[in-house]
C-alpha atoms as a PDB file:
ATOM      1  CA  MET A   1      42.699 -14.825  95.830  1.00  0.00           C
ATOM      2  CA  LYS A   2      43.514 -13.097  92.914  1.00  0.00           C
ATOM      3  CA  TYR A   3      43.386 -16.507  90.639  1.00  0.00           C
ATOM      4  CA  ALA A   4      39.806 -16.919  92.325  1.00  0.00           C
ATOM      5  CA  LYS A   5      38.977 -13.377  91.292  1.00  0.00           C
ATOM      6  CA  LEU A   6      40.329 -14.237  87.853  1.00  0.00           C
ATOM      7  CA  PHE A   7      38.781 -17.437  87.506  1.00  0.00           C
ATOM      8  CA  SER A   8      35.312 -16.302  88.669  1.00  0.00           C
ATOM      9  CA  LEU A   9      35.325 -13.430  86.212  1.00  0.00           C
ATOM     10  CA  LEU A  10      36.295 -16.143  83.186  1.00  0.00           C
ATOM     11  CA  VAL A  11      33.073 -17.819  84.693  1.00  0.00           C
ATOM     12  CA  VAL A  12      30.828 -14.988  84.766  1.00  0.00           C
ATOM     13  CA  SER A  13      32.265 -13.541  81.022  1.00  0.00           C
ATOM     14  CA  ILE A  14      31.551 -17.089  79.860  1.00  0.00           C
ATOM     15  CA  ILE A  15      28.126 -17.533  81.218  1.00  0.00           C
ATOM     16  CA  GLY A  16      27.139 -13.852  80.029  1.00  0.00           C
ATOM     17  CA  LEU A  17      28.684 -15.068  76.392  1.00  0.00           C
ATOM     18  CA  TYR A  18      26.634 -18.010  76.383  1.00  0.00           C
ATOM     19  CA  GLY A  19      23.227 -16.169  77.634  1.00  0.00           C
ATOM     20  CA  ALA A  20      24.344 -13.167  74.706  1.00  0.00           C
ATOM     21  CA  VAL A  21      24.838 -15.883  72.190  1.00  0.00           C
ATOM     22  CA  GLY A  22      21.500 -18.035  73.513  1.00  0.00           C
ATOM     23  CA  PHE A  23      19.654 -14.884  73.093  1.00  0.00           C
ATOM     24  CA  TYR A  24      20.483 -14.150  69.817  1.00  0.00           C
ATOM     25  CA  PHE A  25      20.237 -17.445  68.342  1.00  0.00           C
ATOM     26  CA  LEU A  26      17.669 -19.736  70.148  1.00  0.00           C
ATOM     27  CA  PRO A  27      14.326 -17.881  68.749  1.00  0.00           C
ATOM     28  CA  LEU A  28      15.962 -18.921  65.471  1.00  0.00           C
ATOM     29  CA  ALA A  29      15.440 -22.718  66.599  1.00  0.00           C
ATOM     30  CA  GLY A  30      11.621 -22.363  67.139  1.00  0.00           C
ATOM     31  CA  PHE A  31       9.456 -23.500  64.154  1.00  0.00           C
ATOM     32  CA  GLU A  32       5.568 -23.326  63.425  1.00  0.00           C
ATOM     33  CA  GLY A  33       5.813 -25.065  59.901  1.00  0.00           C
ATOM     34  CA  ASP A  34       6.895 -28.293  58.975  1.00  0.00           C
ATOM     35  CA  LEU A  35       9.264 -26.715  55.498  1.00  0.00           C
ATOM     36  CA  THR A  36      10.959 -24.083  57.839  1.00  0.00           C
ATOM     37  CA  ARG A  37      11.771 -27.062  60.412  1.00  0.00           C
ATOM     38  CA  VAL A  38      13.038 -29.512  57.960  1.00  0.00           C
ATOM     39  CA  GLY A  39      14.678 -26.931  55.415  1.00  0.00           C
ATOM     40  CA  MET A  40      16.303 -25.273  58.534  1.00  0.00           C
ATOM     41  CA  LEU A  41      14.955 -21.882  57.481  1.00  0.00           C
ATOM     42  CA  PRO A  42      13.861 -18.952  59.831  1.00  0.00           C
ATOM     43  CA  GLU A  43       9.902 -18.486  59.953  1.00  0.00           C
ATOM     44  CA  SER A  44      11.062 -14.532  60.212  1.00  0.00           C
ATOM     45  CA  MET A  45      11.295 -14.872  56.886  1.00  0.00           C
ATOM     46  CA  PHE A  46       8.935 -17.923  55.854  1.00  0.00           C
ATOM     47  CA  GLY A  47       5.798 -17.588  58.220  1.00  0.00           C
ATOM     48  CA  TRP A  48       2.858 -16.152  57.700  1.00  0.00           C
ATOM     49  CA  THR A  49       1.285 -13.014  58.745  1.00  0.00           C
ATOM     50  CA  LYS A  50      -2.177 -12.406  57.800  1.00  0.00           C
ATOM     51  CA  PRO A  51      -4.700 -13.500  60.406  1.00  0.00           C
ATOM     52  CA  GLN A  52      -6.657 -16.714  59.552  1.00  0.00           C
ATOM     53  CA  PRO A  53     -10.302 -16.926  59.651  1.00  0.00           C
ATOM     54  CA  ALA A  54     -12.130 -18.371  62.851  1.00  0.00           C
ATOM     55  CA  VAL A  55     -13.583 -22.051  63.159  1.00  0.00           C
ATOM     56  CA  ASP A  56     -16.128 -22.890  65.174  1.00  0.00           C
ATOM     57  CA  PRO A  57     -14.882 -25.495  67.861  1.00  0.00           C
ATOM     58  CA  ILE A  58     -18.898 -26.884  67.675  1.00  0.00           C
ATOM     59  CA  LEU A  59     -18.446 -27.486  64.125  1.00  0.00           C
ATOM     60  CA  LEU A  60     -15.196 -29.699  64.700  1.00  0.00           C
ATOM     61  CA  ARG A  61     -17.130 -32.576  66.561  1.00  0.00           C
ATOM     62  CA  SER A  62     -17.067 -35.919  64.680  1.00  0.00           C
ATOM     63  CA  ALA A  63     -20.342 -37.548  64.588  1.00  0.00           C
ATOM     64  CA  SER A  64     -21.026 -41.124  65.920  1.00  0.00           C
ATOM     65  CA  TRP A  65     -21.202 -43.794  63.336  1.00  0.00           C
ATOM     66  CA  GLN A  66     -24.809 -44.243  63.689  1.00  0.00           C
ATOM     67  CA  GLU A  67     -25.775 -41.000  63.555  1.00  0.00           C
ATOM     68  CA  ALA A  68     -23.511 -40.003  60.434  1.00  0.00           C
ATOM     69  CA  ASP A  69     -24.425 -39.230  57.305  1.00  0.00           C
ATOM     70  CA  VAL A  70     -20.964 -38.643  55.922  1.00  0.00           C
ATOM     71  CA  LEU A  71     -17.828 -41.238  56.112  1.00  0.00           C
ATOM     72  CA  VAL A  72     -14.139 -39.555  55.889  1.00  0.00           C
ATOM     73  CA  VAL A  73     -11.256 -41.659  55.374  1.00  0.00           C
ATOM     74  CA  GLY A  74      -8.310 -39.096  55.096  1.00  0.00           C
ATOM     75  CA  ASP A  75      -4.851 -38.304  56.287  1.00  0.00           C
ATOM     76  CA  SER A  76      -3.458 -35.096  57.619  1.00  0.00           C
ATOM     77  CA  PHE A  77      -5.393 -32.599  55.635  1.00  0.00           C
ATOM     78  CA  SER A  78      -8.421 -34.007  57.432  1.00  0.00           C
ATOM     79  CA  ALA A  79      -7.282 -34.628  60.995  1.00  0.00           C
ATOM     80  CA  PRO A  80      -8.077 -30.964  62.073  1.00  0.00           C
ATOM     81  CA  ARG A  81     -11.240 -31.666  60.729  1.00  0.00           C
ATOM     82  CA  ILE A  82     -11.569 -27.996  59.114  1.00  0.00           C
ATOM     83  CA  TRP A  83     -12.584 -28.567  55.443  1.00  0.00           C
ATOM     84  CA  GLN A  84     -15.704 -31.062  57.075  1.00  0.00           C
ATOM     85  CA  THR A  85     -16.693 -27.746  59.038  1.00  0.00           C
ATOM     86  CA  VAL A  86     -18.212 -26.670  55.692  1.00  0.00           C
ATOM     87  CA  LEU A  87     -20.238 -29.452  55.218  1.00  0.00           C
ATOM     88  CA  VAL A  88     -21.343 -29.617  58.700  1.00  0.00           C
ATOM     89  CA  LYS A  89     -22.341 -25.876  58.493  1.00  0.00           C
ATOM     90  CA  ARG A  90     -24.682 -27.478  55.730  1.00  0.00           C
ATOM     91  CA  GLY A  91     -26.573 -29.665  57.598  1.00  0.00           C
ATOM     92  CA  LEU A  92     -24.042 -33.062  57.217  1.00  0.00           C
ATOM     93  CA  LYS A  93     -23.269 -35.095  60.214  1.00  0.00           C
ATOM     94  CA  VAL A  94     -19.600 -35.767  59.415  1.00  0.00           C
ATOM     95  CA  ARG A  95     -17.365 -38.775  61.051  1.00  0.00           C
ATOM     96  CA  THR A  96     -13.609 -38.446  60.219  1.00  0.00           C
ATOM     97  CA  GLU A  97     -11.605 -41.410  60.646  1.00  0.00           C
ATOM     98  CA  SER A  98      -7.543 -41.514  59.367  1.00  0.00           C
ATOM     99  CA  TRP A  99      -6.262 -43.977  57.069  1.00  0.00           C
ATOM    100  CA  GLY A 100      -4.314 -45.137  60.270  1.00  0.00           C
ATOM    101  CA  GLY A 101      -7.078 -46.210  62.251  1.00  0.00           C
ATOM    102  CA  LEU A 102      -8.960 -47.474  58.987  1.00  0.00           C
ATOM    103  CA  PRO A 103      -5.588 -48.513  57.217  1.00  0.00           C
ATOM    104  CA  ALA A 104      -7.622 -49.829  53.720  1.00  0.00           C
ATOM    105  CA  ILE A 105     -11.034 -50.066  52.312  1.00  0.00           C
ATOM    106  CA  CYS A 106     -10.697 -53.753  51.874  1.00  0.00           C
ATOM    107  CA  GLU A 107     -12.917 -56.322  49.988  1.00  0.00           C
ATOM    108  CA  ASP A 108     -15.311 -56.897  53.213  1.00  0.00           C
ATOM    109  CA  PHE A 109     -15.765 -53.084  53.533  1.00  0.00           C
ATOM    110  CA  ASP A 110     -19.620 -53.157  52.904  1.00  0.00           C
ATOM    111  CA  GLU A 111     -19.948 -56.016  55.225  1.00  0.00           C
ATOM    112  CA  TRP A 112     -18.082 -54.213  57.943  1.00  0.00           C
ATOM    113  CA  LEU A 113     -19.859 -50.668  57.357  1.00  0.00           C
ATOM    114  CA  LYS A 114     -22.903 -52.211  57.791  1.00  0.00           C
ATOM    115  CA  ASN A 115     -21.874 -53.890  60.989  1.00  0.00           C
ATOM    116  CA  ILE A 116     -20.345 -50.983  62.371  1.00  0.00           C
ATOM    117  CA  GLY A 117     -23.755 -49.157  61.860  1.00  0.00           C
ATOM    118  CA  PHE A 118     -22.708 -46.609  59.712  1.00  0.00           C
ATOM    119  CA  LYS A 119     -26.264 -45.885  57.817  1.00  0.00           C
ATOM    120  CA  GLY A 120     -25.016 -42.524  55.904  1.00  0.00           C
ATOM    121  CA  LYS A 121     -24.639 -41.493  51.855  1.00  0.00           C
ATOM    122  CA  TYR A 122     -21.099 -40.449  51.230  1.00  0.00           C
ATOM    123  CA  VAL A 123     -18.086 -42.018  52.014  1.00  0.00           C
ATOM    124  CA  LEU A 124     -15.016 -39.441  51.361  1.00  0.00           C
ATOM    125  CA  LEU A 125     -11.584 -41.018  50.574  1.00  0.00           C
ATOM    126  CA  GLU A 126      -9.293 -38.453  51.193  1.00  0.00           C
ATOM    127  CA  ILE A 127      -5.530 -38.623  49.644  1.00  0.00           C
ATOM    128  CA  VAL A 128      -2.707 -36.479  49.358  1.00  0.00           C
ATOM    129  CA  GLU A 129      -1.181 -36.697  46.002  1.00  0.00           C
ATOM    130  CA  ARG A 130       2.299 -37.814  46.827  1.00  0.00           C
ATOM    131  CA  ASN A 131       0.965 -40.418  49.256  1.00  0.00           C
ATOM    132  CA  THR A 132      -1.992 -41.698  46.833  1.00  0.00           C
ATOM    133  CA  GLU A 133       0.097 -44.536  45.021  1.00  0.00           C
ATOM    134  CA  GLY A 134       1.161 -46.056  48.029  1.00  0.00           C
ATOM    135  CA  THR A 135      -2.170 -46.180  50.145  1.00  0.00           C
ATOM    136  CA  LEU A 136      -4.274 -47.147  47.072  1.00  0.00           C
ATOM    137  CA  SER A 137      -1.727 -50.162  47.820  1.00  0.00           C
ATOM    138  CA  LYS A 138      -2.850 -51.248  51.001  1.00  0.00           C
ATOM    139  CA  SER A 139      -6.436 -51.253  49.980  1.00  0.00           C
ATOM    140  CA  ILE A 140      -6.164 -53.303  46.729  1.00  0.00           C
ATOM    141  CA  ASN A 141      -4.333 -56.432  48.271  1.00  0.00           C
ATOM    142  CA  CYS A 142      -6.716 -56.390  51.709  1.00  0.00           C
ATOM    143  CA  LYS A 143      -9.355 -58.908  52.054  1.00  0.00           C
ATOM    144  CA  LYS A 144     -10.631 -57.942  55.914  1.00  0.00           C
ATOM    145  CA  THR A 145     -10.995 -54.519  57.161  1.00  0.00           C
ATOM    146  CA  ASN A 146      -8.865 -53.892  60.521  1.00  0.00           C
ATOM    147  CA  TYR A 147     -10.134 -50.967  62.685  1.00  0.00           C
ATOM    148  CA  PHE A 148      -7.867 -49.508  65.020  1.00  0.00           C
ATOM    149  CA  ILE A 149      -9.917 -47.589  67.363  1.00  0.00           C
ATOM    150  CA  ARG A 150      -8.227 -44.156  68.255  1.00  0.00           C
ATOM    151  CA  GLY A 151     -10.907 -42.514  70.364  1.00  0.00           C
ATOM    152  CA  GLU A 152     -12.962 -39.494  69.415  1.00  0.00           C
ATOM    153  CA  GLY A 153     -11.052 -36.812  70.827  1.00  0.00           C
ATOM    154  CA  ARG A 154     -11.110 -33.420  70.623  1.00  0.00           C
ATOM    155  CA  VAL A 155      -9.891 -31.097  67.953  1.00  0.00           C
ATOM    156  CA  SER A 156      -8.621 -27.563  68.932  1.00  0.00           C
ATOM    157  CA  PRO A 157     -10.211 -24.246  66.445  1.00  0.00           C
ATOM    158  CA  PRO A 158      -6.624 -23.501  63.724  1.00  0.00           C
ATOM    159  CA  ALA A 159      -4.732 -20.086  65.271  1.00  0.00           C
ATOM    160  CA  LEU A 160      -6.221 -17.015  63.882  1.00  0.00           C
ATOM    161  CA  THR A 161      -2.478 -15.542  64.057  1.00  0.00           C
ATOM    162  CA  VAL A 162       1.654 -16.319  65.617  1.00  0.00           C
ATOM    163  CA  ASN A 163       2.927 -13.880  67.387  1.00  0.00           C
ATOM    164  CA  ARG A 164       6.387 -14.051  65.782  1.00  0.00           C
ATOM    165  CA  THR A 165       7.569 -10.958  67.696  1.00  0.00           C
ATOM    166  CA  THR A 166       8.189 -13.097  71.293  1.00  0.00           C
ATOM    167  CA  ARG A 167      11.252 -14.592  71.780  1.00  0.00           C
ATOM    168  CA  ASN A 168      11.275 -18.531  72.115  1.00  0.00           C
ATOM    169  CA  LEU A 169      14.318 -19.582  73.909  1.00  0.00           C
ATOM    170  CA  SER A 170      13.093 -23.398  74.151  1.00  0.00           C
ATOM    171  CA  GLY A 171      14.845 -24.534  71.664  1.00  0.00           C
ATOM    172  CA  ARG A 172      18.627 -25.914  70.932  1.00  0.00           C
ATOM    173  CA  LEU A 173      21.406 -23.457  70.751  1.00  0.00           C
ATOM    174  CA  SER A 174      22.995 -25.939  68.009  1.00  0.00           C
ATOM    175  CA  VAL A 175      19.955 -25.525  65.827  1.00  0.00           C
ATOM    176  CA  GLY A 176      19.547 -21.936  65.975  1.00  0.00           C
ATOM    177  CA  ILE A 177      23.107 -21.631  64.684  1.00  0.00           C
ATOM    178  CA  GLN A 178      22.175 -24.174  61.721  1.00  0.00           C
ATOM    179  CA  VAL A 179      19.323 -22.352  61.167  1.00  0.00           C
ATOM    180  CA  TYR A 180      21.701 -18.999  60.982  1.00  0.00           C
ATOM    181  CA  LEU A 181      23.898 -20.539  58.684  1.00  0.00           C
ATOM    182  CA  ASN A 182      21.697 -21.723  56.342  1.00  0.00           C
ATOM    183  CA  ALA A 183      19.629 -18.684  56.109  1.00  0.00           C
ATOM    184  CA  LEU A 184      22.953 -16.535  55.633  1.00  0.00           C
ATOM    185  CA  ARG A 185      24.059 -18.999  52.778  1.00  0.00           C
ATOM    186  CA  TYR A 186      20.345 -18.471  51.527  1.00  0.00           C
ATOM    187  CA  THR A 187      20.343 -14.526  51.240  1.00  0.00           C
ATOM    188  CA  VAL A 188      23.917 -13.942  50.693  1.00  0.00           C
ATOM    189  CA  TRP A 189      25.750 -16.431  48.459  1.00  0.00           C
ATOM    190  CA  ASN A 190      22.623 -17.819  46.623  1.00  0.00           C
ATOM    191  CA  VAL A 191      22.571 -15.949  43.160  1.00  0.00           C
ATOM    192  CA  LYS A 192      19.891 -18.393  41.793  1.00  0.00           C
ATOM    193  CA  PRO A 193      16.173 -18.061  41.537  1.00  0.00           C
ATOM    194  CA  SER A 194      16.120 -21.619  43.652  1.00  0.00           C
ATOM    195  CA  PHE A 195      17.777 -22.553  46.751  1.00  0.00           C
ATOM    196  CA  GLN A 196      18.347 -26.222  47.992  1.00  0.00           C
ATOM    197  CA  ALA A 197      17.833 -25.471  51.871  1.00  0.00           C
ATOM    198  CA  SER A 198      18.204 -28.974  52.623  1.00  0.00           C
ATOM    199  CA  LYS A 199      17.764 -32.380  51.572  1.00  0.00           C
ATOM    200  CA  ASP A 200      13.889 -32.408  51.627  1.00  0.00           C
ATOM    201  CA  VAL A 201      13.078 -28.820  51.163  1.00  0.00           C
ATOM    202  CA  HIS A 202      13.838 -26.567  48.234  1.00  0.00           C
ATOM    203  CA  VAL A 203      12.789 -22.328  47.588  1.00  0.00           C
ATOM    204  CA  GLU A 204      11.055 -21.721  44.362  1.00  0.00           C
ATOM    205  CA  GLN A 205      10.223 -18.244  43.139  1.00  0.00           C
ATOM    206  CA  VAL A 206       6.185 -17.902  42.347  1.00  0.00           C
ATOM    207  CA  ALA A 207       4.674 -15.826  39.625  1.00  0.00           C
ATOM    208  CA  ASN A 208       2.954 -12.981  41.590  1.00  0.00           C
ATOM    209  CA  GLY A 209       4.151 -14.284  44.891  1.00  0.00           C
ATOM    210  CA  CYS A 210       3.530 -11.479  46.591  1.00  0.00           C
ATOM    211  CA  SER A 211      -0.187 -11.140  45.972  1.00  0.00           C
ATOM    212  CA  LEU A 212      -0.577 -14.934  47.281  1.00  0.00           C
ATOM    213  CA  PHE A 213       1.293 -15.092  50.448  1.00  0.00           C
ATOM    214  CA  SER A 214       1.735 -12.958  53.226  1.00  0.00           C
ATOM    215  CA  HIS A 215       5.369 -13.844  55.018  1.00  0.00           C
ATOM    216  CA  LEU A 216       7.901 -11.496  54.428  1.00  0.00           C
ATOM    217  CA  ARG A 217      10.072 -12.915  51.543  1.00  0.00           C
ATOM    218  CA  CYS A 218       6.388 -13.775  49.799  1.00  0.00           C
ATOM    219  CA  ASN A 219       8.238 -13.979  45.443  1.00  0.00           C
ATOM    220  CA  GLN A 220       9.763 -17.317  47.334  1.00  0.00           C
ATOM    221  CA  VAL A 221       7.787 -20.020  48.682  1.00  0.00           C
ATOM    222  CA  LEU A 222       9.335 -23.222  50.403  1.00  0.00           C
ATOM    223  CA  PHE A 223       8.430 -26.473  48.874  1.00  0.00           C
ATOM    224  CA  PHE A 224       8.696 -30.533  49.648  1.00  0.00           C
ATOM    225  CA  ASN A 225      10.908 -32.225  47.814  1.00  0.00           C
ATOM    226  CA  ASN A 226       9.114 -35.256  48.329  1.00  0.00           C
ATOM    227  CA  ASP A 227       5.961 -33.785  46.202  1.00  0.00           C
ATOM    228  CA  ARG A 228       5.443 -35.759  42.969  1.00  0.00           C
ATOM    229  CA  VAL A 229       6.665 -33.870  39.776  1.00  0.00           C
ATOM    230  CA  ASN A 230       5.298 -36.343  37.309  1.00  0.00           C
ATOM    231  CA  ASP A 231       1.551 -36.545  36.475  1.00  0.00           C
ATOM    232  CA  MET A 232      -0.823 -39.665  38.031  1.00  0.00           C
ATOM    233  CA  GLY A 233      -1.806 -42.275  35.086  1.00  0.00           C
ATOM    234  CA  ASP A 234      -3.818 -44.975  34.447  1.00  0.00           C
ATOM    235  CA  ASN A 235      -2.999 -47.447  37.139  1.00  0.00           C
ATOM    236  CA  ILE A 236      -4.089 -45.038  39.877  1.00  0.00           C
ATOM    237  CA  LEU A 237      -7.487 -44.398  38.328  1.00  0.00           C
ATOM    238  CA  SER A 238      -7.444 -48.468  37.602  1.00  0.00           C
ATOM    239  CA  ASP A 239      -7.057 -48.876  41.383  1.00  0.00           C
ATOM    240  CA  MET A 240      -9.604 -46.268  42.646  1.00  0.00           C
ATOM    241  CA  ALA A 241     -12.315 -47.835  40.434  1.00  0.00           C
ATOM    242  CA  THR A 242     -11.457 -51.186  41.923  1.00  0.00           C
ATOM    243  CA  ILE A 243     -11.865 -49.859  45.518  1.00  0.00           C
ATOM    244  CA  SER A 244     -14.960 -47.784  44.614  1.00  0.00           C
ATOM    245  CA  HIS A 245     -16.556 -50.896  43.163  1.00  0.00           C
ATOM    246  CA  ARG A 246     -16.244 -52.419  47.169  1.00  0.00           C
ATOM    247  CA  ILE A 247     -18.412 -49.487  48.398  1.00  0.00           C
ATOM    248  CA  SER A 248     -22.253 -50.004  47.589  1.00  0.00           C
ATOM    249  CA  LEU A 249     -24.128 -49.109  50.863  1.00  0.00           C
ATOM    250  CA  ALA A 250     -22.815 -45.565  50.060  1.00  0.00           C
ATOM    251  CA  GLU A 251     -21.409 -42.738  47.165  1.00  0.00           C
ATOM    252  CA  PRO A 252     -18.017 -43.561  47.164  1.00  0.00           C
ATOM    253  CA  VAL A 253     -16.241 -39.891  46.155  1.00  0.00           C
ATOM    254  CA  TRP A 254     -12.406 -39.637  45.681  1.00  0.00           C
ATOM    255  CA  VAL A 255     -10.928 -36.189  46.993  1.00  0.00           C
ATOM    256  CA  ILE A 256      -7.153 -36.313  45.992  1.00  0.00           C
ATOM    257  CA  ILE A 257      -5.014 -33.060  47.086  1.00  0.00           C
ATOM    258  CA  PRO A 258      -2.881 -31.701  45.033  1.00  0.00           C
ATOM    259  CA  ASP A 259       0.524 -31.455  46.454  1.00  0.00           C
ATOM    260  CA  LYS A 260       1.731 -27.593  46.947  1.00  0.00           C
ATOM    261  CA  THR A 261       4.013 -28.252  44.081  1.00  0.00           C
ATOM    262  CA  THR A 262       1.562 -29.269  41.690  1.00  0.00           C
ATOM    263  CA  THR A 263      -0.747 -26.410  42.765  1.00  0.00           C
ATOM    264  CA  TYR A 264       1.530 -23.402  42.219  1.00  0.00           C
ATOM    265  CA  LEU A 265       4.119 -24.617  40.115  1.00  0.00           C
ATOM    266  CA  HIS A 266       2.649 -27.557  37.900  1.00  0.00           C
ATOM    267  CA  PRO A 267      -1.140 -26.977  37.079  1.00  0.00           C
ATOM    268  CA  GLU A 268      -1.263 -28.255  33.749  1.00  0.00           C
ATOM    269  CA  LYS A 269      -1.571 -32.091  35.292  1.00  0.00           C
ATOM    270  CA  SER A 270      -4.679 -33.773  33.765  1.00  0.00           C
ATOM    271  CA  PHE A 271      -5.026 -36.628  36.554  1.00  0.00           C
ATOM    272  CA  TRP A 272      -7.801 -34.478  38.367  1.00  0.00           C
ATOM    273  CA  ASN A 273      -9.850 -34.244  34.891  1.00  0.00           C
ATOM    274  CA  HIS A 274      -9.315 -37.995  34.019  1.00  0.00           C
ATOM    275  CA  ALA A 275     -10.502 -38.720  37.857  1.00  0.00           C
ATOM    276  CA  GLU A 276     -13.704 -36.388  37.242  1.00  0.00           C
ATOM    277  CA  SER A 277     -14.874 -38.146  34.282  1.00  0.00           C
ATOM    278  CA  LYS A 278     -14.222 -41.335  34.540  1.00  0.00           C
ATOM    279  CA  LEU A 279     -14.956 -41.646  38.365  1.00  0.00           C
ATOM    280  CA  ASP A 280     -16.655 -38.552  39.481  1.00  0.00           C
ATOM    281  CA  ALA A 281     -14.215 -37.578  41.750  1.00  0.00           C
ATOM    282  CA  VAL A 282     -13.322 -33.913  42.881  1.00  0.00           C
ATOM    283  CA  ASN A 283     -11.613 -32.014  41.009  1.00  0.00           C
ATOM    284  CA  THR A 284      -9.451 -30.709  43.516  1.00  0.00           C
ATOM    285  CA  LEU A 285      -6.846 -29.314  41.409  1.00  0.00           C
ATOM    286  CA  ALA A 286      -9.251 -27.171  38.867  1.00  0.00           C
ATOM    287  CA  GLY A 287     -11.221 -25.958  42.094  1.00  0.00           C
ATOM    288  CA  PHE A 288      -7.862 -24.887  44.075  1.00  0.00           C
ATOM    289  CA  ARG A 289      -6.374 -22.727  40.647  1.00  0.00           C
ATOM    290  CA  HIS A 290     -10.051 -21.424  40.331  1.00  0.00           C
ATOM    291  CA  ALA A 291      -9.839 -19.830  44.103  1.00  0.00           C
ATOM    292  CA  LEU A 292      -6.512 -18.913  43.260  1.00  0.00           C
ATOM    293  CA  MET A 293      -6.650 -17.054  39.929  1.00  0.00           C
ATOM    294  CA  GLU A 294     -10.510 -15.887  40.664  1.00  0.00           C
ATOM    295  CA  LYS A 295     -10.670 -15.213  44.629  1.00  0.00           C
ATOM    296  CA  LYS A 296      -7.027 -14.725  45.154  1.00  0.00           C
ATOM    297  CA  PRO A 297      -6.769 -15.658  48.565  1.00  0.00           C
ATOM    298  CA  VAL A 298      -3.864 -15.132  50.447  1.00  0.00           C
ATOM    299  CA  ASP A 299      -2.174 -18.131  52.042  1.00  0.00           C
ATOM    300  CA  PHE A 300      -4.182 -20.592  50.821  1.00  0.00           C
ATOM    301  CA  TYR A 301      -1.042 -23.326  51.354  1.00  0.00           C
ATOM    302  CA  PHE A 302       0.974 -21.614  53.915  1.00  0.00           C
ATOM    303  CA  ALA A 303       4.671 -20.765  52.942  1.00  0.00           C
ATOM    304  CA  ASN A 304       5.928 -22.546  55.387  1.00  0.00           C
ATOM    305  CA  ASN A 305       4.100 -25.850  55.220  1.00  0.00           C
ATOM    306  CA  THR A 306       3.035 -28.427  53.390  1.00  0.00           C
ATOM    307  CA  HIS A 307      -0.440 -27.806  54.315  1.00  0.00           C
ATOM    308  CA  LEU A 308      -3.392 -25.670  53.594  1.00  0.00           C
ATOM    309  CA  SER A 309      -4.328 -22.890  55.549  1.00  0.00           C
ATOM    310  CA  THR A 310      -7.547 -22.211  57.143  1.00  0.00           C
ATOM    311  CA  VAL A 311      -8.398 -20.299  53.820  1.00  0.00           C
ATOM    312  CA  GLY A 312      -7.371 -22.996  51.909  1.00  0.00           C
ATOM    313  CA  TYR A 313      -9.047 -25.853  54.047  1.00  0.00           C
ATOM    314  CA  LEU A 314     -12.790 -23.989  53.597  1.00  0.00           C
ATOM    315  CA  GLU A 315     -12.024 -23.581  50.068  1.00  0.00           C
ATOM    316  CA  LEU A 316     -11.715 -26.947  49.938  1.00  0.00           C
ATOM    317  CA  GLY A 317     -14.516 -27.645  51.960  1.00  0.00           C
ATOM    318  CA  GLU A 318     -16.469 -25.658  49.488  1.00  0.00           C
ATOM    319  CA  ILE A 319     -15.253 -27.937  46.639  1.00  0.00           C
ATOM    320  CA  VAL A 320     -16.161 -30.929  48.211  1.00  0.00           C
ATOM    321  CA  SER A 321     -19.904 -29.860  49.429  1.00  0.00           C
ATOM    322  CA  ASN A 322     -20.362 -28.426  45.933  1.00  0.00           C
ATOM    323  CA  ARG A 323     -19.819 -31.767  44.369  1.00  0.00           C
ATOM    324  CA  LEU A 324     -21.999 -33.187  47.034  1.00  0.00           C
ATOM    325  CA  ARG A 325     -24.854 -31.238  45.939  1.00  0.00           C
ATOM    326  CA  ARG A 326     -24.347 -31.777  42.175  1.00  0.00           C
END
C-alpha cells in the first residue's frame, strides 16, 4: 500500500511537471512567420504588432480567361492576390496563375494564349529576385506550353492582426525548448550586431528600425540567407528580353520583386534601373525605396517573414498600376 501511494505520487508529480514545462515551452513552438519558424526564434520577439489594412474579399476574385484584361503569372508574392486588388479597384479584370500551374513562357505561348481565350492587354510576369534566374531558365529552353489546371479557389483576406497573447499549446515540446535555447543564445550570449539564428536565417540591425517595424526588437530584423547578395547582370536581362519577344498578343510587363535583404540592406543594386530602361520593366526597387523614405510605412516587409505585409503588397499594387497607366 505504501509503495502504491509513492508510485501514484511519483506519476502525479511527473505529469504535473510535464504540464508545467509544456505550459511554458509549447507556446514558443507556434509560428506565424516563415523566418521565425526556420530561424527558431519566438514570435514574441519578431512578430508584427501594428494592425494591417483590411482588403475587400470581392477584390480577391480571379477573373476568367475570357474576361481578363490582365494575366498575372507569379510566385508566392502573387498567390494571395493582394497587390492585384489595386488593379481591380481601378477597373481592370485580373487573372492570376502561378509558376506551378504555368511553369514557363514557351515558344508557343502566343498561340496557346489565343487558344485558351485570353484577349487582355497585359501579361505581368512576377518573380522574386532570388528565384529569377531559375524561373527564367525554365522558359528559355521550353518549346511547348504545359498548363496544369489548379482550380480557381477562393483566397482569404489577409489577417488584420495576430493575437500573440493567447497561449498556443498545439506545437511540439522539443521545438519549444529549441526556440527557448536559441532565443537565450541570441539575447544573452550574442555580442555582435548580427546573429546567425540557423543555417538559413540571420538577424541584422536595420537603420531606424523602430520607425520601420512594429515588433518588440524592432532595431533588428530577420533575413533569409538565400536572398541574393550580388546584383543581377546582363544575362538575366537577355533572358527576359527573349521571353518578352514570345508575347505579342498582349504587352509583357516584368515585375521582379526585390528580396527583403536587397530592399533594406543593399538598395544600391542597379538591375532594376537597367530592366526599366531596356525592357520597360516595373522598377520595384526604386518604388520600394521611395515608399520607405517618403511614406515611411511600418512593417512594409514583416520582420518575421520573407514576404511583404498587406501594406507592402498594396504599395506594390500602386507601383504596378502606375506603370500600366503610364
